[in-house]
Amino acid sequence: MTTQNNILVYSTPVCPYCTLAKNLLERKGLKFKEIDVSDPQDRLALIEKAGGRKTVPQIFINDIHVGGYDDLASLEKSGGLDALLQK
């Protein structure tokens, strides 16, 4: 991929789905910024940004809210992730 993507992964250190999401992105050779929301203030910022969703991971690609790990995996399976990365 020649396009530089802005990928944010909101996570916590003990979240297995966060690890799965980060592994999927790494397998695709994608760089991402991880934001640990263990701190209550950071968690509140995530909830606001994610439209009320409180669970982690929450993934944003180029300011588009992808959702959690299941959403990311479904997007990858359907080919939609590569299309989103081209935007």
PDB file of N, CA and C in Angstrom:
ATOM      1  N   MET A   1       0.840  -1.177   0.000  1.00  0.00           N
ATOM      2  CA  MET A   1       0.000   0.000   0.000  1.00  0.00           C
ATOM      3  C   MET A   1       0.891   1.248   0.000  1.00  0.00           C
ATOM      4  N   THR A   2       0.650   2.113  -0.905  1.00  0.00           N
ATOM      5  CA  THR A   2       1.441   3.326  -0.978  1.00  0.00           C
ATOM      6  C   THR A   2       0.786   4.467  -0.219  1.00  0.00           C
ATOM      7  N   THR A   3      -0.480   4.359   0.083  1.00  0.00           N
ATOM      8  CA  THR A   3      -1.190   5.399   0.788  1.00  0.00           C
ATOM      9  C   THR A   3      -0.839   5.357   2.266  1.00  0.00           C
ATOM     10  N   GLN A   4      -0.604   6.523   2.843  1.00  0.00           N
ATOM     11  CA  GLN A   4      -0.368   6.598   4.282  1.00  0.00           C
ATOM     12  C   GLN A   4      -1.722   6.697   4.970  1.00  0.00           C
ATOM     13  N   ASN A   5      -2.029   5.731   5.805  1.00  0.00           N
ATOM     14  CA  ASN A   5      -3.297   5.707   6.506  1.00  0.00           C
ATOM     15  C   ASN A   5      -3.116   6.125   7.951  1.00  0.00           C
ATOM     16  N   ASN A   6      -4.143   6.766   8.479  1.00  0.00           N
ATOM     17  CA  ASN A   6      -4.171   7.156   9.879  1.00  0.00           C
ATOM     18  C   ASN A   6      -5.053   6.139  10.596  1.00  0.00           C
ATOM     19  N   ILE A   7      -4.442   5.234  11.343  1.00  0.00           N
ATOM     20  CA  ILE A   7      -5.177   4.169  12.018  1.00  0.00           C
ATOM     21  C   ILE A   7      -4.992   4.326  13.526  1.00  0.00           C
ATOM     22  N   LEU A   8      -6.121   4.414  14.239  1.00  0.00           N
ATOM     23  CA  LEU A   8      -6.117   4.505  15.691  1.00  0.00           C
ATOM     24  C   LEU A   8      -6.791   3.267  16.256  1.00  0.00           C
ATOM     25  N   VAL A   9      -6.162   2.667  17.255  1.00  0.00           N
ATOM     26  CA  VAL A   9      -6.743   1.518  17.950  1.00  0.00           C
ATOM     27  C   VAL A   9      -6.824   1.887  19.431  1.00  0.00           C
ATOM     28  N   TYR A  10      -8.044   2.056  19.918  1.00  0.00           N
ATOM     29  CA  TYR A  10      -8.265   2.299  21.337  1.00  0.00           C
ATOM     30  C   TYR A  10      -8.350   0.939  22.012  1.00  0.00           C
ATOM     31  N   SER A  11      -7.558   0.727  23.059  1.00  0.00           N
ATOM     32  CA  SER A  11      -7.461  -0.605  23.652  1.00  0.00           C
ATOM     33  C   SER A  11      -7.109  -0.520  25.127  1.00  0.00           C
ATOM     34  N   THR A  12      -7.044  -1.707  25.738  1.00  0.00           N
ATOM     35  CA  THR A  12      -6.511  -1.863  27.090  1.00  0.00           C
ATOM     36  C   THR A  12      -5.524  -3.026  27.053  1.00  0.00           C
ATOM     37  N   PRO A  13      -4.579  -3.064  27.981  1.00  0.00           N
ATOM     38  CA  PRO A  13      -3.556  -4.109  27.956  1.00  0.00           C
ATOM     39  C   PRO A  13      -4.084  -5.532  28.149  1.00  0.00           C
ATOM     40  N   VAL A  14      -5.215  -5.702  28.803  1.00  0.00           N
ATOM     41  CA  VAL A  14      -5.713  -7.044  29.119  1.00  0.00           C
ATOM     42  C   VAL A  14      -6.810  -7.528  28.174  1.00  0.00           C
ATOM     43  N   CYS A  15      -7.027  -6.836  27.076  1.00  0.00           N
ATOM     44  CA  CYS A  15      -8.131  -7.148  26.166  1.00  0.00           C
ATOM     45  C   CYS A  15      -7.680  -8.104  25.054  1.00  0.00           C
ATOM     46  N   PRO A  16      -8.201  -9.348  25.035  1.00  0.00           N
ATOM     47  CA  PRO A  16      -7.792 -10.292  23.986  1.00  0.00           C
ATOM     48  C   PRO A  16      -8.246  -9.862  22.591  1.00  0.00           C
ATOM     49  N   TYR A  17      -9.394  -9.198  22.488  1.00  0.00           N
ATOM     50  CA  TYR A  17      -9.854  -8.745  21.180  1.00  0.00           C
ATOM     51  C   TYR A  17      -8.999  -7.602  20.648  1.00  0.00           C
ATOM     52  N   CYS A  18      -8.446  -6.810  21.560  1.00  0.00           N
ATOM     53  CA  CYS A  18      -7.510  -5.759  21.158  1.00  0.00           C
ATOM     54  C   CYS A  18      -6.276  -6.388  20.520  1.00  0.00           C
ATOM     55  N   THR A  19      -5.783  -7.442  21.150  1.00  0.00           N
ATOM     56  CA  THR A  19      -4.607  -8.150  20.622  1.00  0.00           C
ATOM     57  C   THR A  19      -4.913  -8.732  19.251  1.00  0.00           C
ATOM     58  N   LEU A  20      -6.075  -9.320  19.085  1.00  0.00           N
ATOM     59  CA  LEU A  20      -6.461  -9.880  17.776  1.00  0.00           C
ATOM     60  C   LEU A  20      -6.517  -8.787  16.713  1.00  0.00           C
ATOM     61  N   ALA A  21      -7.091  -7.655  17.056  1.00  0.00           N
ATOM     62  CA  ALA A  21      -7.196  -6.551  16.097  1.00  0.00           C
ATOM     63  C   ALA A  21      -5.815  -6.041  15.697  1.00  0.00           C
ATOM     64  N   LYS A  22      -4.945  -5.849  16.679  1.00  0.00           N
ATOM     65  CA  LYS A  22      -3.598  -5.357  16.387  1.00  0.00           C
ATOM     66  C   LYS A  22      -2.829  -6.377  15.555  1.00  0.00           C
ATOM     67  N   ASN A  23      -3.000  -7.657  15.851  1.00  0.00           N
ATOM     68  CA  ASN A  23      -2.333  -8.700  15.067  1.00  0.00           C
ATOM     69  C   ASN A  23      -2.805  -8.696  13.623  1.00  0.00           C
ATOM     70  N   LEU A  24      -4.100  -8.520  13.400  1.00  0.00           N
ATOM     71  CA  LEU A  24      -4.634  -8.466  12.036  1.00  0.00           C
ATOM     72  C   LEU A  24      -4.006  -7.299  11.274  1.00  0.00           C
ATOM     73  N   LEU A  25      -3.960  -6.134  11.909  1.00  0.00           N
ATOM     74  CA  LEU A  25      -3.378  -4.961  11.247  1.00  0.00           C
ATOM     75  C   LEU A  25      -1.893  -5.183  10.966  1.00  0.00           C
ATOM     76  N   GLU A  26      -1.176  -5.768  11.922  1.00  0.00           N
ATOM     77  CA  GLU A  26       0.258  -6.020  11.733  1.00  0.00           C
ATOM     78  C   GLU A  26       0.502  -7.027  10.617  1.00  0.00           C
ATOM     79  N   ARG A  27      -0.342  -8.068  10.510  1.00  0.00           N
ATOM     80  CA  ARG A  27      -0.190  -9.049   9.427  1.00  0.00           C
ATOM     81  C   ARG A  27      -0.335  -8.397   8.061  1.00  0.00           C
ATOM     82  N   LYS A  28      -1.136  -7.337   8.002  1.00  0.00           N
ATOM     83  CA  LYS A  28      -1.312  -6.607   6.745  1.00  0.00           C
ATOM     84  C   LYS A  28      -0.206  -5.573   6.526  1.00  0.00           C
ATOM     85  N   GLY A  29       0.725  -5.491   7.476  1.00  0.00           N
ATOM     86  CA  GLY A  29       1.828  -4.546   7.346  1.00  0.00           C
ATOM     87  C   GLY A  29       1.424  -3.107   7.610  1.00  0.00           C
ATOM     88  N   LEU A  30       0.357  -2.912   8.375  1.00  0.00           N
ATOM     89  CA  LEU A  30      -0.159  -1.567   8.631  1.00  0.00           C
ATOM     90  C   LEU A  30       0.373  -1.028   9.950  1.00  0.00           C
ATOM     91  N   LYS A  31       0.722   0.245   9.938  1.00  0.00           N
ATOM     92  CA  LYS A  31       1.146   0.922  11.159  1.00  0.00           C
ATOM     93  C   LYS A  31      -0.081   1.590  11.766  1.00  0.00           C
ATOM     94  N   PHE A  32      -0.130   1.594  13.086  1.00  0.00           N
ATOM     95  CA  PHE A  32      -1.266   2.193  13.771  1.00  0.00           C
ATOM     96  C   PHE A  32      -0.791   2.816  15.070  1.00  0.00           C
ATOM     97  N   LYS A  33      -1.599   3.739  15.566  1.00  0.00           N
ATOM     98  CA  LYS A  33      -1.345   4.344  16.867  1.00  0.00           C
ATOM     99  C   LYS A  33      -2.297   3.691  17.850  1.00  0.00           C
ATOM    100  N   GLU A  34      -1.746   3.210  18.955  1.00  0.00           N
ATOM    101  CA  GLU A  34      -2.556   2.575  19.989  1.00  0.00           C
ATOM    102  C   GLU A  34      -2.758   3.555  21.139  1.00  0.00           C
ATOM    103  N   ILE A  35      -3.994   3.678  21.580  1.00  0.00           N
ATOM    104  CA  ILE A  35      -4.313   4.547  22.699  1.00  0.00           C
ATOM    105  C   ILE A  35      -4.911   3.687  23.804  1.00  0.00           C
ATOM    106  N   ASP A  36      -4.201   3.610  24.925  1.00  0.00           N
ATOM    107  CA  ASP A  36      -4.641   2.829  26.082  1.00  0.00           C
ATOM    108  C   ASP A  36      -5.702   3.636  26.830  1.00  0.00           C
ATOM    109  N   VAL A  37      -6.895   3.066  26.962  1.00  0.00           N
ATOM    110  CA  VAL A  37      -7.993   3.767  27.624  1.00  0.00           C
ATOM    111  C   VAL A  37      -8.246   3.225  29.031  1.00  0.00           C
ATOM    112  N   SER A  38      -7.208   2.729  29.684  1.00  0.00           N
ATOM    113  CA  SER A  38      -7.343   2.267  31.061  1.00  0.00           C
ATOM    114  C   SER A  38      -7.682   3.415  32.008  1.00  0.00           C
ATOM    115  N   ASP A  39      -7.189   4.601  31.685  1.00  0.00           N
ATOM    116  CA  ASP A  39      -7.483   5.793  32.475  1.00  0.00           C
ATOM    117  C   ASP A  39      -8.929   6.241  32.210  1.00  0.00           C
ATOM    118  N   PRO A  40      -9.698   6.536  33.267  1.00  0.00           N
ATOM    119  CA  PRO A  40     -11.106   6.927  33.080  1.00  0.00           C
ATOM    120  C   PRO A  40     -11.311   8.131  32.154  1.00  0.00           C
ATOM    121  N   GLN A  41     -10.419   9.101  32.189  1.00  0.00           N
ATOM    122  CA  GLN A  41     -10.555  10.274  31.313  1.00  0.00           C
ATOM    123  C   GLN A  41     -10.400   9.877  29.844  1.00  0.00           C
ATOM    124  N   ASP A  42      -9.435   9.005  29.570  1.00  0.00           N
ATOM    125  CA  ASP A  42      -9.243   8.533  28.198  1.00  0.00           C
ATOM    126  C   ASP A  42     -10.437   7.696  27.748  1.00  0.00           C
ATOM    127  N   ARG A  43     -11.003   6.913  28.673  1.00  0.00           N
ATOM    128  CA  ARG A  43     -12.179   6.090  28.346  1.00  0.00           C
ATOM    129  C   ARG A  43     -13.364   6.992  27.996  1.00  0.00           C
ATOM    130  N   LEU A  44     -13.550   8.073  28.736  1.00  0.00           N
ATOM    131  CA  LEU A  44     -14.634   9.011  28.429  1.00  0.00           C
ATOM    132  C   LEU A  44     -14.451   9.628  27.047  1.00  0.00           C
ATOM    133  N   ALA A  45     -13.221   9.966  26.700  1.00  0.00           N
ATOM    134  CA  ALA A  45     -12.940  10.528  25.369  1.00  0.00           C
ATOM    135  C   ALA A  45     -13.264   9.511  24.284  1.00  0.00           C
ATOM    136  N   LEU A  46     -12.946   8.236  24.531  1.00  0.00           N
ATOM    137  CA  LEU A  46     -13.269   7.181  23.571  1.00  0.00           C
ATOM    138  C   LEU A  46     -14.770   7.060  23.390  1.00  0.00           C
ATOM    139  N   ILE A  47     -15.524   7.026  24.495  1.00  0.00           N
ATOM    140  CA  ILE A  47     -16.972   6.878  24.421  1.00  0.00           C
ATOM    141  C   ILE A  47     -17.578   8.003  23.591  1.00  0.00           C
ATOM    142  N   GLU A  48     -17.075   9.212  23.789  1.00  0.00           N
ATOM    143  CA  GLU A  48     -17.574  10.351  23.017  1.00  0.00           C
ATOM    144  C   GLU A  48     -17.235  10.194  21.527  1.00  0.00           C
ATOM    145  N   LYS A  49     -16.005   9.835  21.240  1.00  0.00           N
ATOM    146  CA  LYS A  49     -15.570   9.699  19.841  1.00  0.00           C
ATOM    147  C   LYS A  49     -16.266   8.537  19.133  1.00  0.00           C
ATOM    148  N   ALA A  50     -16.548   7.456  19.883  1.00  0.00           N
ATOM    149  CA  ALA A  50     -17.131   6.247  19.290  1.00  0.00           C
ATOM    150  C   ALA A  50     -18.653   6.242  19.353  1.00  0.00           C
ATOM    151  N   GLY A  51     -19.252   7.387  19.585  1.00  0.00           N
ATOM    152  CA  GLY A  51     -20.705   7.469  19.560  1.00  0.00           C
ATOM    153  C   GLY A  51     -21.391   6.668  20.656  1.00  0.00           C
ATOM    154  N   GLY A  52     -20.767   6.615  21.824  1.00  0.00           N
ATOM    155  CA  GLY A  52     -21.370   5.934  22.956  1.00  0.00           C
ATOM    156  C   GLY A  52     -20.886   4.511  23.184  1.00  0.00           C
ATOM    157  N   ARG A  53     -20.148   3.959  22.252  1.00  0.00           N
ATOM    158  CA  ARG A  53     -19.627   2.601  22.451  1.00  0.00           C
ATOM    159  C   ARG A  53     -18.551   2.622  23.523  1.00  0.00           C
ATOM    160  N   LYS A  54     -18.636   1.649  24.436  1.00  0.00           N
ATOM    161  CA  LYS A  54     -17.744   1.624  25.594  1.00  0.00           C
ATOM    162  C   LYS A  54     -16.721   0.501  25.542  1.00  0.00           C
ATOM    163  N   THR A  55     -16.909  -0.447  24.658  1.00  0.00           N
ATOM    164  CA  THR A  55     -16.036  -1.611  24.626  1.00  0.00           C
ATOM    165  C   THR A  55     -14.769  -1.323  23.819  1.00  0.00           C
ATOM    166  N   VAL A  56     -13.748  -2.120  24.086  1.00  0.00           N
ATOM    167  CA  VAL A  56     -12.511  -2.042  23.308  1.00  0.00           C
ATOM    168  C   VAL A  56     -12.290  -3.384  22.630  1.00  0.00           C
ATOM    169  N   PRO A  57     -11.615  -3.395  21.505  1.00  0.00           N
ATOM    170  CA  PRO A  57     -11.030  -2.231  20.850  1.00  0.00           C
ATOM    171  C   PRO A  57     -12.090  -1.426  20.102  1.00  0.00           C
ATOM    172  N   GLN A  58     -11.769  -0.182  19.861  1.00  0.00           N
ATOM    173  CA  GLN A  58     -12.503   0.650  18.919  1.00  0.00           C
ATOM    174  C   GLN A  58     -11.459   1.128  17.919  1.00  0.00           C
ATOM    175  N   ILE A  59     -11.749   0.918  16.647  1.00  0.00           N
ATOM    176  CA  ILE A  59     -10.762   1.147  15.592  1.00  0.00           C
ATOM    177  C   ILE A  59     -11.277   2.225  14.645  1.00  0.00           C
ATOM    178  N   PHE A  60     -10.400   3.162  14.338  1.00  0.00           N
ATOM    179  CA  PHE A  60     -10.694   4.241  13.399  1.00  0.00           C
ATOM    180  C   PHE A  60      -9.638   4.213  12.304  1.00  0.00           C
ATOM    181  N   ILE A  61     -10.092   4.245  11.063  1.00  0.00           N
ATOM    182  CA  ILE A  61      -9.175   4.301   9.923  1.00  0.00           C
ATOM    183  C   ILE A  61      -9.522   5.533   9.110  1.00  0.00           C
ATOM    184  N   ASN A  62      -8.552   6.428   9.004  1.00  0.00           N
ATOM    185  CA  ASN A  62      -8.745   7.689   8.282  1.00  0.00           C
ATOM    186  C   ASN A  62     -10.007   8.402   8.764  1.00  0.00           C
ATOM    187  N   ASP A  63     -10.167   8.476  10.083  1.00  0.00           N
ATOM    188  CA  ASP A  63     -11.284   9.138  10.760  1.00  0.00           C
ATOM    189  C   ASP A  63     -12.633   8.460  10.550  1.00  0.00           C
ATOM    190  N   ILE A  64     -12.644   7.261   9.990  1.00  0.00           N
ATOM    191  CA  ILE A  64     -13.876   6.485   9.836  1.00  0.00           C
ATOM    192  C   ILE A  64     -13.900   5.438  10.951  1.00  0.00           C
ATOM    193  N   HIS A  65     -15.001   5.411  11.684  1.00  0.00           N
ATOM    194  CA  HIS A  65     -15.136   4.465  12.794  1.00  0.00           C
ATOM    195  C   HIS A  65     -15.469   3.089  12.234  1.00  0.00           C
ATOM    196  N   VAL A  66     -14.505   2.176  12.317  1.00  0.00           N
ATOM    197  CA  VAL A  66     -14.691   0.804  11.843  1.00  0.00           C
ATOM    198  C   VAL A  66     -15.491   0.002  12.853  1.00  0.00           C
ATOM    199  N   GLY A  67     -15.225   0.214  14.144  1.00  0.00           N
ATOM    200  CA  GLY A  67     -15.885  -0.535  15.213  1.00  0.00           C
ATOM    201  C   GLY A  67     -14.867  -1.359  15.965  1.00  0.00           C
ATOM    202  N   GLY A  68     -15.297  -2.542  16.419  1.00  0.00           N
ATOM    203  CA  GLY A  68     -14.436  -3.412  17.201  1.00  0.00           C
ATOM    204  C   GLY A  68     -13.746  -4.468  16.365  1.00  0.00           C
ATOM    205  N   TYR A  69     -13.188  -5.465  17.038  1.00  0.00           N
ATOM    206  CA  TYR A  69     -12.455  -6.511  16.325  1.00  0.00           C
ATOM    207  C   TYR A  69     -13.347  -7.269  15.345  1.00  0.00           C
ATOM    208  N   ASP A  70     -14.542  -7.666  15.776  1.00  0.00           N
ATOM    209  CA  ASP A  70     -15.430  -8.412  14.877  1.00  0.00           C
ATOM    210  C   ASP A  70     -15.735  -7.613  13.616  1.00  0.00           C
ATOM    211  N   ASP A  71     -15.941  -6.307  13.775  1.00  0.00           N
ATOM    212  CA  ASP A  71     -16.204  -5.441  12.622  1.00  0.00           C
ATOM    213  C   ASP A  71     -14.987  -5.394  11.695  1.00  0.00           C
ATOM    214  N   LEU A  72     -13.806  -5.273  12.288  1.00  0.00           N
ATOM    215  CA  LEU A  72     -12.570  -5.233  11.502  1.00  0.00           C
ATOM    216  C   LEU A  72     -12.365  -6.544  10.753  1.00  0.00           C
ATOM    217  N   ALA A  73     -12.573  -7.671  11.440  1.00  0.00           N
ATOM    218  CA  ALA A  73     -12.391  -8.984  10.815  1.00  0.00           C
ATOM    219  C   ALA A  73     -13.395  -9.198   9.680  1.00  0.00           C
ATOM    220  N   SER A  74     -14.632  -8.773   9.868  1.00  0.00           N
ATOM    221  CA  SER A  74     -15.647  -8.886   8.811  1.00  0.00           C
ATOM    222  C   SER A  74     -15.285  -8.026   7.612  1.00  0.00           C
ATOM    223  N   LEU A  75     -14.796  -6.838   7.892  1.00  0.00           N
ATOM    224  CA  LEU A  75     -14.377  -5.934   6.824  1.00  0.00           C
ATOM    225  C   LEU A  75     -13.232  -6.550   6.024  1.00  0.00           C
ATOM    226  N   GLU A  76     -12.283  -7.156   6.720  1.00  0.00           N
ATOM    227  CA  GLU A  76     -11.155  -7.809   6.060  1.00  0.00           C
ATOM    228  C   GLU A  76     -11.643  -8.989   5.214  1.00  0.00           C
ATOM    229  N   LYS A  77     -12.528  -9.801   5.764  1.00  0.00           N
ATOM    230  CA  LYS A  77     -13.026 -10.983   5.061  1.00  0.00           C
ATOM    231  C   LYS A  77     -13.778 -10.607   3.788  1.00  0.00           C
ATOM    232  N   SER A  78     -14.499  -9.501   3.825  1.00  0.00           N
ATOM    233  CA  SER A  78     -15.298  -9.080   2.668  1.00  0.00           C
ATOM    234  C   SER A  78     -14.484  -8.305   1.628  1.00  0.00           C
ATOM    235  N   GLY A  79     -13.235  -7.960   1.957  1.00  0.00           N
ATOM    236  CA  GLY A  79     -12.415  -7.151   1.064  1.00  0.00           C
ATOM    237  C   GLY A  79     -12.609  -5.662   1.282  1.00  0.00           C
ATOM    238  N   GLY A  80     -13.484  -5.308   2.203  1.00  0.00           N
ATOM    239  CA  GLY A  80     -13.770  -3.907   2.461  1.00  0.00           C
ATOM    240  C   GLY A  80     -12.641  -3.154   3.139  1.00  0.00           C
ATOM    241  N   LEU A  81     -11.803  -3.874   3.881  1.00  0.00           N
ATOM    242  CA  LEU A  81     -10.700  -3.202   4.576  1.00  0.00           C
ATOM    243  C   LEU A  81      -9.718  -2.622   3.564  1.00  0.00           C
ATOM    244  N   ASP A  82      -9.365  -3.399   2.554  1.00  0.00           N
ATOM    245  CA  ASP A  82      -8.442  -2.890   1.533  1.00  0.00           C
ATOM    246  C   ASP A  82      -9.046  -1.698   0.807  1.00  0.00           C
ATOM    247  N   ALA A  83     -10.337  -1.745   0.535  1.00  0.00           N
ATOM    248  CA  ALA A  83     -11.004  -0.615  -0.126  1.00  0.00           C
ATOM    249  C   ALA A  83     -10.955   0.628   0.764  1.00  0.00           C
ATOM    250  N   LEU A  84     -11.189   0.452   2.056  1.00  0.00           N
ATOM    251  CA  LEU A  84     -11.151   1.582   2.984  1.00  0.00           C
ATOM    252  C   LEU A  84      -9.745   2.168   3.060  1.00  0.00           C
ATOM    253  N   LEU A  85      -8.744   1.323   3.007  1.00  0.00           N
ATOM    254  CA  LEU A  85      -7.358   1.793   3.071  1.00  0.00           C
ATOM    255  C   LEU A  85      -6.950   2.569   1.829  1.00  0.00           C
ATOM    256  N   GLN A  86      -7.664   2.386   0.745  1.00  0.00           N
ATOM    257  CA  GLN A  86      -7.354   3.105  -0.501  1.00  0.00           C
ATOM    258  C   GLN A  86      -7.938   4.511  -0.525  1.00  0.00           C
ATOM    259  N   LYS A  87      -8.834   4.817   0.402  1.00  0.00           N
ATOM    260  CA  LYS A  87      -9.507   6.137   0.416  1.00  0.00           C
ATOM    261  C   LYS A  87      -8.581   7.211   0.908  1.00  0.00           C
TER     262      LYS A  87
END
